[in-house]
Every structure is written in C-alpha cells, then in structure tokens.
Amino acid sequence: MDGIKYAVFTDKSIRLLGKNQYTFNVESGSTRTEIKHWVELFFGVKVIAMNSHRLPGKGRRMRPIMGHTMHYRRMIITLQPGYSIPPLRKQRT
C-alpha cells in the first residue's frame, strides 16, 4: 500500500476502536479517495467516513544545526457496521 504508512495506537485511537474507527498515518500527498480505495482493497472492508488532520513535523538538532522532520497526515477511518480490521481489533480479556 503506497499511501498508508502504519496504524496508530494512542489512547484516543484505542478508544475509537470501540466505535469501529481506525487510525492510520498516511503519506501527505495522498488524497481521501486514494486512501479509501487502498483500505477497501487491502482489508476488504467498506468505508463510510474519513476524517483527516495534518500533524506538524518536529524539530531535530544535530549539534549546531537545527533541522526538522517532515509533517504527516493522520486519517481516522470509520467502517460500516459489521466490518472490522482483524489484526487491529482490540481483544477483550
């Protein structure tokens, strides 16, 4: 999958798993339709809604030189009821 980098596991994203919403970091240049197509094709699910926001890059210092990491985009993807992404599903114990 070219546009999706990796799944995100924060307190908020774990809480959203209960609402059938999954969080991914994606390439900054990817469009919503591309991400929706990749998620539906790769995971075999139906996407009904997508929310996105852009996170800023962080500053990195290498001795006297100040650099920064690239910004990235985070997508919160809502699936139709009855669908889930099994490896990312939170197990109840």
PDB file of N, CA and C in Angstrom:
ATOM      1  N   MET A   1       0.851  -1.170   0.000  1.00  0.00           N
ATOM      2  CA  MET A   1       0.000   0.000   0.000  1.00  0.00           C
ATOM      3  C   MET A   1       0.892   1.228   0.000  1.00  0.00           C
ATOM      4  N   ASP A   2       0.791   2.004  -1.048  1.00  0.00           N
ATOM      5  CA  ASP A   2       1.680   3.138  -1.206  1.00  0.00           C
ATOM      6  C   ASP A   2       1.369   4.276  -0.241  1.00  0.00           C
ATOM      7  N   GLY A   3       0.104   4.560   0.004  1.00  0.00           N
ATOM      8  CA  GLY A   3      -0.246   5.752   0.755  1.00  0.00           C
ATOM      9  C   GLY A   3      -0.309   5.570   2.250  1.00  0.00           C
ATOM     10  N   ILE A   4      -0.573   4.366   2.730  1.00  0.00           N
ATOM     11  CA  ILE A   4      -0.718   4.140   4.161  1.00  0.00           C
ATOM     12  C   ILE A   4       0.630   3.741   4.738  1.00  0.00           C
ATOM     13  N   LYS A   5       1.092   4.489   5.746  1.00  0.00           N
ATOM     14  CA  LYS A   5       2.382   4.178   6.365  1.00  0.00           C
ATOM     15  C   LYS A   5       2.220   3.102   7.440  1.00  0.00           C
ATOM     16  N   TYR A   6       1.413   3.390   8.465  1.00  0.00           N
ATOM     17  CA  TYR A   6       1.235   2.433   9.555  1.00  0.00           C
ATOM     18  C   TYR A   6       0.024   2.819  10.394  1.00  0.00           C
ATOM     19  N   ALA A   7      -0.454   1.863  11.187  1.00  0.00           N
ATOM     20  CA  ALA A   7      -1.567   2.106  12.096  1.00  0.00           C
ATOM     21  C   ALA A   7      -1.045   2.835  13.330  1.00  0.00           C
ATOM     22  N   VAL A   8      -1.911   3.628  13.939  1.00  0.00           N
ATOM     23  CA  VAL A   8      -1.544   4.421  15.105  1.00  0.00           C
ATOM     24  C   VAL A   8      -2.237   3.837  16.327  1.00  0.00           C
ATOM     25  N   PHE A   9      -1.482   3.680  17.422  1.00  0.00           N
ATOM     26  CA  PHE A   9      -2.048   3.160  18.661  1.00  0.00           C
ATOM     27  C   PHE A   9      -1.779   4.145  19.794  1.00  0.00           C
ATOM     28  N   THR A  10      -2.683   5.112  19.937  1.00  0.00           N
ATOM     29  CA  THR A  10      -2.639   6.066  21.035  1.00  0.00           C
ATOM     30  C   THR A  10      -3.859   5.797  21.904  1.00  0.00           C
ATOM     31  N   ASP A  11      -3.971   6.516  23.024  1.00  0.00           N
ATOM     32  CA  ASP A  11      -5.138   6.337  23.889  1.00  0.00           C
ATOM     33  C   ASP A  11      -6.426   6.634  23.128  1.00  0.00           C
ATOM     34  N   LYS A  12      -6.414   7.702  22.356  1.00  0.00           N
ATOM     35  CA  LYS A  12      -7.611   8.073  21.597  1.00  0.00           C
ATOM     36  C   LYS A  12      -7.928   7.036  20.527  1.00  0.00           C
ATOM     37  N   SER A  13      -6.913   6.565  19.795  1.00  0.00           N
ATOM     38  CA  SER A  13      -7.180   5.610  18.713  1.00  0.00           C
ATOM     39  C   SER A  13      -7.677   4.276  19.262  1.00  0.00           C
ATOM     40  N   ILE A  14      -7.186   3.867  20.425  1.00  0.00           N
ATOM     41  CA  ILE A  14      -7.669   2.626  21.040  1.00  0.00           C
ATOM     42  C   ILE A  14      -9.113   2.801  21.494  1.00  0.00           C
ATOM     43  N   ARG A  15      -9.455   3.985  22.007  1.00  0.00           N
ATOM     44  CA  ARG A  15     -10.839   4.260  22.406  1.00  0.00           C
ATOM     45  C   ARG A  15     -11.767   4.260  21.187  1.00  0.00           C
ATOM     46  N   LEU A  16     -11.280   4.753  20.040  1.00  0.00           N
ATOM     47  CA  LEU A  16     -12.096   4.807  18.825  1.00  0.00           C
ATOM     48  C   LEU A  16     -12.341   3.428  18.216  1.00  0.00           C
ATOM     49  N   LEU A  17     -11.516   2.429  18.564  1.00  0.00           N
ATOM     50  CA  LEU A  17     -11.747   1.078  18.048  1.00  0.00           C
ATOM     51  C   LEU A  17     -13.128   0.563  18.454  1.00  0.00           C
ATOM     52  N   GLY A  18     -13.619   0.991  19.616  1.00  0.00           N
ATOM     53  CA  GLY A  18     -14.951   0.593  20.058  1.00  0.00           C
ATOM     54  C   GLY A  18     -16.059   1.175  19.197  1.00  0.00           C
ATOM     55  N   LYS A  19     -15.785   2.263  18.483  1.00  0.00           N
ATOM     56  CA  LYS A  19     -16.759   2.887  17.584  1.00  0.00           C
ATOM     57  C   LYS A  19     -16.541   2.461  16.140  1.00  0.00           C
ATOM     58  N   ASN A  20     -15.719   1.429  15.946  1.00  0.00           N
ATOM     59  CA  ASN A  20     -15.405   0.902  14.609  1.00  0.00           C
ATOM     60  C   ASN A  20     -14.668   1.938  13.764  1.00  0.00           C
ATOM     61  N   GLN A  21     -13.784   2.709  14.421  1.00  0.00           N
ATOM     62  CA  GLN A  21     -12.965   3.702  13.736  1.00  0.00           C
ATOM     63  C   GLN A  21     -11.496   3.326  13.913  1.00  0.00           C
ATOM     64  N   TYR A  22     -10.751   3.396  12.819  1.00  0.00           N
ATOM     65  CA  TYR A  22      -9.345   3.000  12.812  1.00  0.00           C
ATOM     66  C   TYR A  22      -8.493   4.189  12.394  1.00  0.00           C
ATOM     67  N   THR A  23      -7.303   4.311  12.986  1.00  0.00           N
ATOM     68  CA  THR A  23      -6.438   5.461  12.761  1.00  0.00           C
ATOM     69  C   THR A  23      -5.151   5.023  12.072  1.00  0.00           C
ATOM     70  N   PHE A  24      -4.793   5.732  10.997  1.00  0.00           N
ATOM     71  CA  PHE A  24      -3.584   5.439  10.236  1.00  0.00           C
ATOM     72  C   PHE A  24      -2.827   6.725   9.952  1.00  0.00           C
ATOM     73  N   ASN A  25      -1.500   6.644   9.936  1.00  0.00           N
ATOM     74  CA  ASN A  25      -0.682   7.722   9.387  1.00  0.00           C
ATOM     75  C   ASN A  25      -0.503   7.424   7.914  1.00  0.00           C
ATOM     76  N   VAL A  26      -0.688   8.444   7.080  1.00  0.00           N
ATOM     77  CA  VAL A  26      -0.629   8.251   5.633  1.00  0.00           C
ATOM     78  C   VAL A  26       0.333   9.264   5.021  1.00  0.00           C
ATOM     79  N   GLU A  27       0.661   9.059   3.755  1.00  0.00           N
ATOM     80  CA  GLU A  27       1.516   9.993   3.025  1.00  0.00           C
ATOM     81  C   GLU A  27       0.812  11.346   2.914  1.00  0.00           C
ATOM     82  N   SER A  28       1.561  12.418   3.023  1.00  0.00           N
ATOM     83  CA  SER A  28       0.973  13.760   2.985  1.00  0.00           C
ATOM     84  C   SER A  28       0.309  14.074   1.653  1.00  0.00           C
ATOM     85  N   GLY A  29       0.827  13.546   0.557  1.00  0.00           N
ATOM     86  CA  GLY A  29       0.291  13.855  -0.762  1.00  0.00           C
ATOM     87  C   GLY A  29      -0.876  12.992  -1.187  1.00  0.00           C
ATOM     88  N   SER A  30      -1.267  12.005  -0.385  1.00  0.00           N
ATOM     89  CA  SER A  30      -2.363  11.109  -0.756  1.00  0.00           C
ATOM     90  C   SER A  30      -3.707  11.798  -0.589  1.00  0.00           C
ATOM     91  N   THR A  31      -4.636  11.490  -1.474  1.00  0.00           N
ATOM     92  CA  THR A  31      -5.980  12.056  -1.379  1.00  0.00           C
ATOM     93  C   THR A  31      -6.889  11.109  -0.613  1.00  0.00           C
ATOM     94  N   ARG A  32      -8.046  11.624  -0.212  1.00  0.00           N
ATOM     95  CA  ARG A  32      -9.010  10.803   0.516  1.00  0.00           C
ATOM     96  C   ARG A  32      -9.493   9.625  -0.325  1.00  0.00           C
ATOM     97  N   THR A  33      -9.738   9.873  -1.607  1.00  0.00           N
ATOM     98  CA  THR A  33     -10.242   8.792  -2.457  1.00  0.00           C
ATOM     99  C   THR A  33      -9.199   7.696  -2.630  1.00  0.00           C
ATOM    100  N   GLU A  34      -7.918   8.062  -2.725  1.00  0.00           N
ATOM    101  CA  GLU A  34      -6.863   7.053  -2.820  1.00  0.00           C
ATOM    102  C   GLU A  34      -6.796   6.212  -1.550  1.00  0.00           C
ATOM    103  N   ILE A  35      -6.825   6.870  -0.395  1.00  0.00           N
ATOM    104  CA  ILE A  35      -6.750   6.151   0.878  1.00  0.00           C
ATOM    105  C   ILE A  35      -7.956   5.240   1.041  1.00  0.00           C
ATOM    106  N   LYS A  36      -9.142   5.739   0.697  1.00  0.00           N
ATOM    107  CA  LYS A  36     -10.354   4.922   0.797  1.00  0.00           C
ATOM    108  C   LYS A  36     -10.234   3.698  -0.105  1.00  0.00           C
ATOM    109  N   HIS A  37      -9.759   3.883  -1.320  1.00  0.00           N
ATOM    110  CA  HIS A  37      -9.596   2.768  -2.255  1.00  0.00           C
ATOM    111  C   HIS A  37      -8.612   1.741  -1.705  1.00  0.00           C
ATOM    112  N   TRP A  38      -7.464   2.189  -1.179  1.00  0.00           N
ATOM    113  CA  TRP A  38      -6.457   1.266  -0.657  1.00  0.00           C
ATOM    114  C   TRP A  38      -6.971   0.493   0.546  1.00  0.00           C
ATOM    115  N   VAL A  39      -7.683   1.173   1.459  1.00  0.00           N
ATOM    116  CA  VAL A  39      -8.202   0.491   2.651  1.00  0.00           C
ATOM    117  C   VAL A  39      -9.235  -0.554   2.250  1.00  0.00           C
ATOM    118  N   GLU A  40     -10.162  -0.184   1.357  1.00  0.00           N
ATOM    119  CA  GLU A  40     -11.193  -1.137   0.937  1.00  0.00           C
ATOM    120  C   GLU A  40     -10.590  -2.318   0.183  1.00  0.00           C
ATOM    121  N   LEU A  41      -9.591  -2.071  -0.644  1.00  0.00           N
ATOM    122  CA  LEU A  41      -8.971  -3.129  -1.429  1.00  0.00           C
ATOM    123  C   LEU A  41      -8.105  -4.045  -0.566  1.00  0.00           C
ATOM    124  N   PHE A  42      -7.276  -3.467   0.279  1.00  0.00           N
ATOM    125  CA  PHE A  42      -6.323  -4.254   1.056  1.00  0.00           C
ATOM    126  C   PHE A  42      -6.987  -5.027   2.192  1.00  0.00           C
ATOM    127  N   PHE A  43      -7.899  -4.376   2.940  1.00  0.00           N
ATOM    128  CA  PHE A  43      -8.516  -5.014   4.097  1.00  0.00           C
ATOM    129  C   PHE A  43      -9.857  -5.663   3.782  1.00  0.00           C
ATOM    130  N   GLY A  44     -10.439  -5.397   2.620  1.00  0.00           N
ATOM    131  CA  GLY A  44     -11.723  -5.988   2.252  1.00  0.00           C
ATOM    132  C   GLY A  44     -12.875  -5.491   3.100  1.00  0.00           C
ATOM    133  N   VAL A  45     -12.921  -4.190   3.376  1.00  0.00           N
ATOM    134  CA  VAL A  45     -13.965  -3.590   4.206  1.00  0.00           C
ATOM    135  C   VAL A  45     -14.646  -2.470   3.428  1.00  0.00           C
ATOM    136  N   LYS A  46     -15.740  -1.936   3.979  1.00  0.00           N
ATOM    137  CA  LYS A  46     -16.446  -0.800   3.386  1.00  0.00           C
ATOM    138  C   LYS A  46     -16.259   0.423   4.283  1.00  0.00           C
ATOM    139  N   VAL A  47     -15.754   1.496   3.703  1.00  0.00           N
ATOM    140  CA  VAL A  47     -15.515   2.745   4.430  1.00  0.00           C
ATOM    141  C   VAL A  47     -16.723   3.650   4.245  1.00  0.00           C
ATOM    142  N   ILE A  48     -17.253   4.204   5.370  1.00  0.00           N
ATOM    143  CA  ILE A  48     -18.391   5.116   5.251  1.00  0.00           C
ATOM    144  C   ILE A  48     -17.999   6.562   5.539  1.00  0.00           C
ATOM    145  N   ALA A  49     -16.903   6.789   6.286  1.00  0.00           N
ATOM    146  CA  ALA A  49     -16.486   8.162   6.585  1.00  0.00           C
ATOM    147  C   ALA A  49     -14.984   8.197   6.830  1.00  0.00           C
ATOM    148  N   MET A  50     -14.403   9.370   6.536  1.00  0.00           N
ATOM    149  CA  MET A  50     -12.975   9.570   6.770  1.00  0.00           C
ATOM    150  C   MET A  50     -12.753  10.979   7.296  1.00  0.00           C
ATOM    151  N   ASN A  51     -11.974  11.095   8.352  1.00  0.00           N
ATOM    152  CA  ASN A  51     -11.561  12.391   8.880  1.00  0.00           C
ATOM    153  C   ASN A  51     -10.044  12.441   8.822  1.00  0.00           C
ATOM    154  N   SER A  52      -9.502  13.608   8.524  1.00  0.00           N
ATOM    155  CA  SER A  52      -8.047  13.710   8.457  1.00  0.00           C
ATOM    156  C   SER A  52      -7.585  15.010   9.086  1.00  0.00           C
ATOM    157  N   HIS A  53      -6.370  14.982   9.580  1.00  0.00           N
ATOM    158  CA  HIS A  53      -5.719  16.196  10.036  1.00  0.00           C
ATOM    159  C   HIS A  53      -4.222  16.057   9.810  1.00  0.00           C
ATOM    160  N   ARG A  54      -3.564  17.196   9.675  1.00  0.00           N
ATOM    161  CA  ARG A  54      -2.137  17.221   9.386  1.00  0.00           C
ATOM    162  C   ARG A  54      -1.384  17.528  10.668  1.00  0.00           C
ATOM    163  N   LEU A  55      -0.410  16.689  10.984  1.00  0.00           N
ATOM    164  CA  LEU A  55       0.397  16.880  12.176  1.00  0.00           C
ATOM    165  C   LEU A  55       1.719  17.538  11.785  1.00  0.00           C
ATOM    166  N   PRO A  56       2.195  18.493  12.568  1.00  0.00           N
ATOM    167  CA  PRO A  56       3.427  19.188  12.197  1.00  0.00           C
ATOM    168  C   PRO A  56       4.659  18.322  12.420  1.00  0.00           C
ATOM    169  N   GLY A  57       5.716  18.631  11.687  1.00  0.00           N
ATOM    170  CA  GLY A  57       6.990  17.960  11.905  1.00  0.00           C
ATOM    171  C   GLY A  57       7.624  18.446  13.201  1.00  0.00           C
ATOM    172  N   LYS A  58       8.570  17.683  13.705  1.00  0.00           N
ATOM    173  CA  LYS A  58       9.231  18.039  14.953  1.00  0.00           C
ATOM    174  C   LYS A  58      10.638  18.548  14.665  1.00  0.00           C
ATOM    175  N   GLY A  59      11.107  19.429  15.515  1.00  0.00           N
ATOM    176  CA  GLY A  59      12.463  19.949  15.378  1.00  0.00           C
ATOM    177  C   GLY A  59      13.488  18.922  15.833  1.00  0.00           C
ATOM    178  N   ARG A  60      14.577  18.822  15.117  1.00  0.00           N
ATOM    179  CA  ARG A  60      15.662  17.908  15.464  1.00  0.00           C
ATOM    180  C   ARG A  60      16.974  18.680  15.387  1.00  0.00           C
ATOM    181  N   ARG A  61      17.766  18.561  16.423  1.00  0.00           N
ATOM    182  CA  ARG A  61      19.036  19.276  16.460  1.00  0.00           C
ATOM    183  C   ARG A  61      20.184  18.287  16.277  1.00  0.00           C
ATOM    184  N   MET A  62      21.104  18.644  15.363  1.00  0.00           N
ATOM    185  CA  MET A  62      22.345  17.894  15.193  1.00  0.00           C
ATOM    186  C   MET A  62      23.485  18.864  15.466  1.00  0.00           C
ATOM    187  N   ARG A  63      23.881  18.903  16.714  1.00  0.00           N
ATOM    188  CA  ARG A  63      24.891  19.854  17.195  1.00  0.00           C
ATOM    189  C   ARG A  63      24.457  21.278  16.860  1.00  0.00           C
ATOM    190  N   PRO A  64      25.209  22.039  16.079  1.00  0.00           N
ATOM    191  CA  PRO A  64      24.798  23.435  15.891  1.00  0.00           C
ATOM    192  C   PRO A  64      23.684  23.618  14.862  1.00  0.00           C
ATOM    193  N   ILE A  65      23.370  22.574  14.107  1.00  0.00           N
ATOM    194  CA  ILE A  65      22.401  22.709  13.019  1.00  0.00           C
ATOM    195  C   ILE A  65      21.024  22.263  13.495  1.00  0.00           C
ATOM    196  N   MET A  66      20.038  23.119  13.285  1.00  0.00           N
ATOM    197  CA  MET A  66      18.663  22.779  13.649  1.00  0.00           C
ATOM    198  C   MET A  66      17.935  22.311  12.406  1.00  0.00           C
ATOM    199  N   GLY A  67      17.414  21.100  12.441  1.00  0.00           N
ATOM    200  CA  GLY A  67      16.649  20.565  11.330  1.00  0.00           C
ATOM    201  C   GLY A  67      15.239  20.247  11.794  1.00  0.00           C
ATOM    202  N   HIS A  68      14.487  19.567  10.969  1.00  0.00           N
ATOM    203  CA  HIS A  68      13.138  19.172  11.353  1.00  0.00           C
ATOM    204  C   HIS A  68      12.718  17.941  10.557  1.00  0.00           C
ATOM    205  N   THR A  69      11.773  17.199  11.114  1.00  0.00           N
ATOM    206  CA  THR A  69      11.210  16.061  10.409  1.00  0.00           C
ATOM    207  C   THR A  69      10.049  16.552   9.552  1.00  0.00           C
ATOM    208  N   MET A  70       9.650  15.755   8.599  1.00  0.00           N
ATOM    209  CA  MET A  70       8.552  16.134   7.715  1.00  0.00           C
ATOM    210  C   MET A  70       7.215  16.044   8.458  1.00  0.00           C
ATOM    211  N   HIS A  71       6.275  16.887   8.046  1.00  0.00           N
ATOM    212  CA  HIS A  71       4.928  16.774   8.586  1.00  0.00           C
ATOM    213  C   HIS A  71       4.261  15.533   7.986  1.00  0.00           C
ATOM    214  N   TYR A  72       3.207  15.069   8.621  1.00  0.00           N
ATOM    215  CA  TYR A  72       2.498  13.902   8.113  1.00  0.00           C
ATOM    216  C   TYR A  72       1.009  14.057   8.360  1.00  0.00           C
ATOM    217  N   ARG A  73       0.251  13.203   7.768  1.00  0.00           N
ATOM    218  CA  ARG A  73      -1.201  13.295   7.805  1.00  0.00           C
ATOM    219  C   ARG A  73      -1.757  12.071   8.519  1.00  0.00           C
ATOM    220  N   ARG A  74      -2.770  12.274   9.333  1.00  0.00           N
ATOM    221  CA  ARG A  74      -3.402  11.182  10.063  1.00  0.00           C
ATOM    222  C   ARG A  74      -4.860  11.079   9.630  1.00  0.00           C
ATOM    223  N   MET A  75      -5.303   9.856   9.314  1.00  0.00           N
ATOM    224  CA  MET A  75      -6.679   9.608   8.881  1.00  0.00           C
ATOM    225  C   MET A  75      -7.389   8.750   9.920  1.00  0.00           C
ATOM    226  N   ILE A  76      -8.600   9.155  10.267  1.00  0.00           N
ATOM    227  CA  ILE A  76      -9.476   8.347  11.112  1.00  0.00           C
ATOM    228  C   ILE A  76     -10.562   7.817  10.192  1.00  0.00           C
ATOM    229  N   ILE A  77     -10.594   6.503  10.024  1.00  0.00           N
ATOM    230  CA  ILE A  77     -11.462   5.854   9.045  1.00  0.00           C
ATOM    231  C   ILE A  77     -12.576   5.121   9.774  1.00  0.00           C
ATOM    232  N   THR A  78     -13.832   5.434   9.421  1.00  0.00           N
ATOM    233  CA  THR A  78     -14.990   4.775  10.007  1.00  0.00           C
ATOM    234  C   THR A  78     -15.495   3.720   9.037  1.00  0.00           C
ATOM    235  N   LEU A  79     -15.679   2.501   9.546  1.00  0.00           N
ATOM    236  CA  LEU A  79     -16.150   1.396   8.723  1.00  0.00           C
ATOM    237  C   LEU A  79     -17.636   1.174   8.927  1.00  0.00           C
ATOM    238  N   GLN A  80     -18.259   0.531   7.937  1.00  0.00           N
ATOM    239  CA  GLN A  80     -19.666   0.167   8.057  1.00  0.00           C
ATOM    240  C   GLN A  80     -19.837  -0.821   9.200  1.00  0.00           C
ATOM    241  N   PRO A  81     -20.995  -0.787   9.878  1.00  0.00           N
ATOM    242  CA  PRO A  81     -21.240  -1.784  10.925  1.00  0.00           C
ATOM    243  C   PRO A  81     -21.163  -3.193  10.347  1.00  0.00           C
ATOM    244  N   GLY A  82     -20.548  -4.082  11.106  1.00  0.00           N
ATOM    245  CA  GLY A  82     -20.375  -5.458  10.649  1.00  0.00           C
ATOM    246  C   GLY A  82     -19.003  -5.727  10.060  1.00  0.00           C
ATOM    247  N   TYR A  83     -18.257  -4.685   9.709  1.00  0.00           N
ATOM    248  CA  TYR A  83     -16.901  -4.841   9.177  1.00  0.00           C
ATOM    249  C   TYR A  83     -15.891  -4.477  10.263  1.00  0.00           C
ATOM    250  N   SER A  84     -14.739  -5.116  10.218  1.00  0.00           N
ATOM    251  CA  SER A  84     -13.640  -4.755  11.110  1.00  0.00           C
ATOM    252  C   SER A  84     -12.331  -5.166  10.460  1.00  0.00           C
ATOM    253  N   ILE A  85     -11.255  -4.628  10.972  1.00  0.00           N
ATOM    254  CA  ILE A  85      -9.921  -4.999  10.506  1.00  0.00           C
ATOM    255  C   ILE A  85      -9.340  -5.890  11.602  1.00  0.00           C
ATOM    256  N   PRO A  86      -9.311  -7.209  11.403  1.00  0.00           N
ATOM    257  CA  PRO A  86      -8.996  -8.148  12.485  1.00  0.00           C
ATOM    258  C   PRO A  86      -7.670  -7.919  13.209  1.00  0.00           C
ATOM    259  N   PRO A  87      -6.538  -7.694  12.536  1.00  0.00           N
ATOM    260  CA  PRO A  87      -5.299  -7.555  13.306  1.00  0.00           C
ATOM    261  C   PRO A  87      -5.273  -6.324  14.203  1.00  0.00           C
ATOM    262  N   LEU A  88      -6.117  -5.337  13.920  1.00  0.00           N
ATOM    263  CA  LEU A  88      -6.117  -4.110  14.705  1.00  0.00           C
ATOM    264  C   LEU A  88      -7.217  -4.095  15.756  1.00  0.00           C
ATOM    265  N   ARG A  89      -8.048  -5.101  15.784  1.00  0.00           N
ATOM    266  CA  ARG A  89      -9.175  -5.135  16.708  1.00  0.00           C
ATOM    267  C   ARG A  89      -8.682  -5.369  18.120  1.00  0.00           C
ATOM    268  N   LYS A  90      -9.181  -4.614  19.076  1.00  0.00           N
ATOM    269  CA  LYS A  90      -8.779  -4.756  20.465  1.00  0.00           C
ATOM    270  C   LYS A  90      -9.424  -6.011  21.050  1.00  0.00           C
ATOM    271  N   GLN A  91      -8.615  -6.860  21.670  1.00  0.00           N
ATOM    272  CA  GLN A  91      -9.111  -8.094  22.272  1.00  0.00           C
ATOM    273  C   GLN A  91      -9.566  -7.813  23.699  1.00  0.00           C
ATOM    274  N   ARG A  92     -10.733  -8.284  24.045  1.00  0.00           N
ATOM    275  CA  ARG A  92     -11.247  -8.141  25.409  1.00  0.00           C
ATOM    276  C   ARG A  92     -10.748  -9.316  26.240  1.00  0.00           C
ATOM    277  N   THR A  93     -10.204  -9.020  27.428  1.00  0.00           N
ATOM    278  CA  THR A  93      -9.717 -10.097  28.296  1.00  0.00           C
ATOM    279  C   THR A  93     -10.417 -10.066  29.619  1.00  0.00           C
TER     280      THR A  93
END
